[in-house]
Amino acid sequence: MITDKRILVVEDEEHIRKFVRINLEREGFIVEEATTGEEGLDIVGSTDIDVVVLDIMLPGIDGFQVCKILREKYPAIGIIMLTAKSQDIDKIMGLEYGSDDYMVKPFNPIELVLRVKSLLRRMDYKKDENQDAIVEGPFRIDKYSRKFYKGDREIELTPTEYSIIQLFIENPGRAFTRDEILNIVWGYDFMGDSKIVDVNVRRLRSKIEEDASNPQYIETVWGVGYRWRKKM
């Protein structure tokens, strides 16, 4: 497979970094490497990077801080975080800082490649030729540029957040289970747990709701999942 997608692997353990690189290059990806967070940020600032595979435990600034900086400066970039710990708090913290996905070491490199491909599919979503924009209440999705607005204000979304909000707004009033959201947004080959949906919904609420603790747009359907409140 030939691709022009460029992946940055930020990992201080050389054997892991090289192993990841070999498997990504085997799939046709262009791979850059960094051993520290600072080096990774420099590469992103000077090179057109599509996805960052980012270890949490790094010398210097850690992966959480790198993720936070990347999200602030490059909201459209894809981020997959790596952690040697299986504790939920590390997964949740990575998602809260803005990562799109996470993997726990030791991991299957084939699964990592699948995760990268799944994330790129979300980022490369093709516009509907029959409709360039969707308007729902005060919100507007520009499908051509993949931008999201509330009134005249653009709201910066991660690729995953954009995919979720588009799913909701295109299906107002429909309740989606967490598994349905995982399958549609992350893909059927996603092997993580449903907490990733909850964290992304929480992030979306913090960006679009007047009061995230009392959401008016993204409703929780108890025992099921979430839905976009349909206009009456």
Protein backbone atom coordinates (compact mmCIF):
# COMPACT_ATOMS: atom_id res chain seq x y z
CA MET A 1 0.00 0.00 0.00
CA ILE A 2 1.35 3.42 -0.97
CA THR A 3 0.41 6.37 1.19
CA ASP A 4 1.56 9.93 1.74
CA LYS A 5 0.52 9.91 5.40
CA ARG A 6 3.29 10.85 7.80
CA ILE A 7 3.39 9.33 11.29
CA LEU A 8 5.56 10.64 14.14
CA VAL A 9 6.58 8.12 16.81
CA VAL A 10 7.64 9.80 20.07
CA GLU A 11 9.16 7.05 22.21
CA ASP A 12 12.38 7.00 24.22
CA GLU A 13 12.80 3.20 24.17
CA GLU A 14 14.68 2.50 20.97
CA HIS A 15 13.54 -1.11 20.48
CA ILE A 16 9.87 -0.11 20.74
CA ARG A 17 10.36 2.90 18.47
CA LYS A 18 12.13 0.85 15.81
CA PHE A 19 9.59 -1.97 16.03
CA VAL A 20 6.70 0.47 15.56
CA ARG A 21 8.50 2.14 12.67
CA ILE A 22 9.09 -1.15 10.84
CA ASN A 23 5.42 -2.13 11.06
CA LEU A 24 4.14 1.29 9.98
CA GLU A 25 6.57 1.49 7.06
CA ARG A 26 5.52 -2.00 6.01
CA GLU A 27 2.05 -0.50 5.47
CA GLY A 28 3.47 2.32 3.36
CA PHE A 29 3.47 5.11 5.95
CA ILE A 30 6.23 7.72 6.13
CA VAL A 31 7.62 7.57 9.67
CA GLU A 32 9.47 10.20 11.70
CA GLU A 33 11.04 9.47 15.10
CA ALA A 34 11.62 11.45 18.28
CA THR A 35 13.05 10.38 21.63
CA THR A 36 11.78 13.30 23.73
CA GLY A 37 8.66 15.42 23.89
CA GLU A 38 10.61 18.53 23.02
CA GLU A 39 12.05 16.87 19.91
CA GLY A 40 8.60 15.67 18.92
CA LEU A 41 7.14 19.15 19.19
CA ASP A 42 9.96 20.53 17.05
CA ILE A 43 9.26 17.95 14.34
CA VAL A 44 5.53 18.70 14.32
CA GLY A 45 6.33 22.40 14.06
CA SER A 46 8.52 21.91 11.00
CA THR A 47 6.98 18.87 9.25
CA ASP A 48 3.49 18.03 8.03
CA ILE A 49 2.53 15.27 10.49
CA ASP A 50 -0.82 13.47 10.28
CA VAL A 51 -0.71 11.24 13.38
CA VAL A 52 1.50 11.26 16.48
CA VAL A 53 2.08 7.99 18.34
CA LEU A 54 3.04 9.40 21.74
CA ASP A 55 4.49 7.63 24.77
CA ILE A 56 3.44 9.00 28.16
CA MET A 57 6.68 8.33 30.05
CA LEU A 58 9.28 10.52 28.35
CA PRO A 59 12.43 12.30 29.54
CA GLY A 60 11.82 16.03 29.96
CA ILE A 61 8.21 16.99 29.45
CA ASP A 62 5.93 13.97 29.60
CA GLY A 63 3.44 12.76 27.03
CA PHE A 64 0.49 14.39 28.77
CA GLN A 65 2.04 17.83 28.40
CA VAL A 66 3.08 17.14 24.81
CA CYS A 67 -0.50 16.08 24.05
CA LYS A 68 -1.87 19.24 25.63
CA ILE A 69 0.48 21.46 23.61
CA LEU A 70 -0.30 19.60 20.38
CA ARG A 71 -4.02 19.97 20.92
CA GLU A 72 -3.71 23.70 21.56
CA LYS A 73 -1.49 24.37 18.54
CA TYR A 74 -2.59 21.67 16.09
CA PRO A 75 -6.20 20.66 16.85
CA ALA A 76 -6.61 18.64 13.64
CA ILE A 77 -3.65 16.33 14.26
CA GLY A 78 -4.33 12.71 15.28
CA ILE A 79 -2.87 11.50 18.60
CA ILE A 80 -2.55 7.94 19.90
CA MET A 81 -1.00 7.66 23.37
CA LEU A 82 1.10 4.74 24.63
CA THR A 83 1.35 3.83 28.28
CA ALA A 84 3.12 1.06 30.16
CA LYS A 85 0.42 1.16 32.82
CA SER A 86 -2.96 -0.52 32.63
CA GLN A 87 -4.56 1.77 35.20
CA ASP A 88 -7.68 3.52 33.98
CA ILE A 89 -6.44 6.87 35.31
CA ASP A 90 -3.64 6.97 32.71
CA LYS A 91 -6.07 6.21 29.89
CA ILE A 92 -8.56 8.80 31.11
CA MET A 93 -5.88 11.46 31.63
CA GLY A 94 -4.59 10.93 28.10
CA LEU A 95 -8.09 11.33 26.68
CA GLU A 96 -8.76 14.36 28.85
CA TYR A 97 -5.63 16.02 27.49
CA GLY A 98 -6.99 15.48 23.98
CA SER A 99 -5.71 12.16 22.62
CA ASP A 100 -7.92 10.34 20.12
CA ASP A 101 -6.96 6.85 21.24
CA TYR A 102 -4.61 4.96 23.56
CA MET A 103 -2.78 1.64 23.73
CA VAL A 104 -1.28 -0.15 26.73
CA LYS A 105 2.19 -1.68 26.52
CA PRO A 106 3.00 -4.36 25.63
CA PHE A 107 0.85 -4.10 22.52
CA ASN A 108 0.46 -5.97 19.26
CA PRO A 109 2.02 -3.85 16.48
CA ILE A 110 -0.64 -5.04 14.06
CA GLU A 111 -3.27 -3.59 16.38
CA LEU A 112 -1.40 -0.28 16.50
CA VAL A 113 -1.38 -0.15 12.69
CA LEU A 114 -5.14 -0.81 12.72
CA ARG A 115 -5.63 2.00 15.23
CA VAL A 116 -3.62 4.40 13.06
CA LYS A 117 -5.64 3.44 9.97
CA SER A 118 -8.92 3.84 11.86
CA LEU A 119 -7.91 7.30 13.07
CA LEU A 120 -6.85 8.34 9.57
CA ARG A 121 -10.22 7.22 8.20
CA ARG A 122 -11.93 9.57 10.61
CA MET A 123 -9.59 12.38 9.64
CA ASP A 124 -10.00 11.72 5.90
CA TYR A 125 -13.79 11.69 5.93
CA LYS A 126 -15.00 12.69 2.44
CA LYS A 127 -17.63 15.38 2.14
CA ASP A 128 -21.16 14.60 1.03
CA GLU A 129 -21.34 16.01 -2.48
CA ASN A 130 -25.02 16.87 -1.98
CA GLN A 131 -24.56 18.87 1.19
CA ASP A 132 -21.55 20.97 2.13
CA ALA A 133 -22.95 22.20 5.44
CA ILE A 134 -25.31 21.05 8.18
CA VAL A 135 -27.13 23.60 10.32
CA GLU A 136 -28.73 22.54 13.60
CA GLY A 137 -29.92 25.31 15.91
CA PRO A 138 -26.98 27.61 16.66
CA PHE A 139 -24.50 25.08 15.25
CA ARG A 140 -23.09 24.63 11.77
CA ILE A 141 -20.83 21.93 10.39
CA ASP A 142 -18.81 22.84 7.30
CA LYS A 143 -18.22 19.38 5.87
CA TYR A 144 -15.84 20.63 3.18
CA SER A 145 -13.37 22.19 5.61
CA ARG A 146 -14.31 19.95 8.57
CA LYS A 147 -14.96 22.98 10.75
CA PHE A 148 -17.60 23.38 13.44
CA TYR A 149 -19.25 26.63 14.49
CA LYS A 150 -21.52 27.84 17.25
CA GLY A 151 -23.00 31.04 15.92
CA ASP A 152 -20.13 32.90 14.29
CA ARG A 153 -17.51 31.33 16.56
CA GLU A 154 -15.45 28.39 15.38
CA ILE A 155 -15.05 25.67 17.99
CA GLU A 156 -11.82 23.72 17.67
CA LEU A 157 -12.48 19.97 17.69
CA THR A 158 -10.21 16.95 17.56
CA PRO A 159 -10.78 14.56 14.62
CA THR A 160 -12.65 12.19 16.92
CA GLU A 161 -14.80 14.94 18.44
CA TYR A 162 -15.69 16.14 14.96
CA SER A 163 -16.79 12.65 13.91
CA ILE A 164 -18.96 12.28 17.01
CA ILE A 165 -20.63 15.69 16.68
CA GLN A 166 -21.34 15.04 13.01
CA LEU A 167 -22.89 11.68 13.88
CA PHE A 168 -25.14 13.32 16.49
CA ILE A 169 -26.21 16.32 14.41
CA GLU A 170 -26.96 14.19 11.35
CA ASN A 171 -29.21 12.00 13.52
CA PRO A 172 -31.05 14.34 15.94
CA GLY A 173 -33.21 12.54 18.47
CA ARG A 174 -31.68 9.13 17.85
CA ALA A 175 -30.17 7.40 20.87
CA PHE A 176 -26.82 5.76 20.21
CA THR A 177 -25.34 3.14 22.50
CA ARG A 178 -21.68 3.47 23.39
CA ASP A 179 -20.92 0.39 21.31
CA GLU A 180 -22.68 1.89 18.30
CA ILE A 181 -20.63 5.08 18.64
CA LEU A 182 -17.45 3.00 18.95
CA ASN A 183 -18.29 1.00 15.85
CA ILE A 184 -19.25 4.02 13.75
CA VAL A 185 -16.54 6.46 14.86
CA TRP A 186 -13.61 4.24 15.85
CA GLY A 187 -14.45 1.31 13.57
CA TYR A 188 -15.30 -2.34 14.10
CA ASP A 189 -11.64 -3.19 14.61
CA PHE A 190 -11.39 -0.99 17.73
CA MET A 191 -10.35 -3.08 20.74
CA GLY A 192 -10.59 -0.54 23.56
CA ASP A 193 -13.37 0.00 26.08
CA SER A 194 -16.38 2.31 26.00
CA LYS A 195 -14.92 4.80 28.49
CA ILE A 196 -13.29 6.49 25.49
CA VAL A 197 -16.79 7.49 24.32
CA ASP A 198 -17.70 9.01 27.69
CA VAL A 199 -14.51 11.07 27.85
CA ASN A 200 -14.99 12.44 24.34
CA VAL A 201 -18.62 13.33 25.06
CA ARG A 202 -17.51 15.10 28.24
CA ARG A 203 -14.94 17.08 26.25
CA LEU A 204 -17.56 18.00 23.64
CA ARG A 205 -19.97 19.20 26.30
CA SER A 206 -17.29 21.40 27.82
CA LYS A 207 -16.83 23.04 24.41
CA ILE A 208 -20.42 23.48 23.19
CA GLU A 209 -22.70 23.62 26.24
CA GLU A 210 -23.40 26.73 28.27
CA ASP A 211 -23.36 24.53 31.38
CA ALA A 212 -21.65 21.19 30.82
CA SER A 213 -23.14 19.82 34.04
CA ASN A 214 -26.63 20.50 32.69
CA PRO A 215 -26.30 19.70 28.97
CA GLN A 216 -28.94 21.07 26.61
CA TYR A 217 -27.67 19.50 23.39
CA ILE A 218 -25.93 16.17 24.05
CA GLU A 219 -28.29 14.25 26.29
CA THR A 220 -27.46 11.17 28.33
CA VAL A 221 -29.90 8.33 27.75
CA TRP A 222 -29.52 6.40 30.98
CA GLY A 223 -28.74 2.74 30.50
CA VAL A 224 -28.21 3.29 26.77
CA GLY A 225 -25.78 6.03 25.71
CA TYR A 226 -26.25 9.48 24.20
CA ARG A 227 -28.40 11.43 21.75
CA TRP A 228 -28.57 14.90 20.26
CA ARG A 229 -31.65 16.72 21.52
CA LYS A 230 -34.03 17.13 18.62
CA LYS A 231 -35.50 20.59 18.08
CA MET A 232 -39.23 20.75 18.78
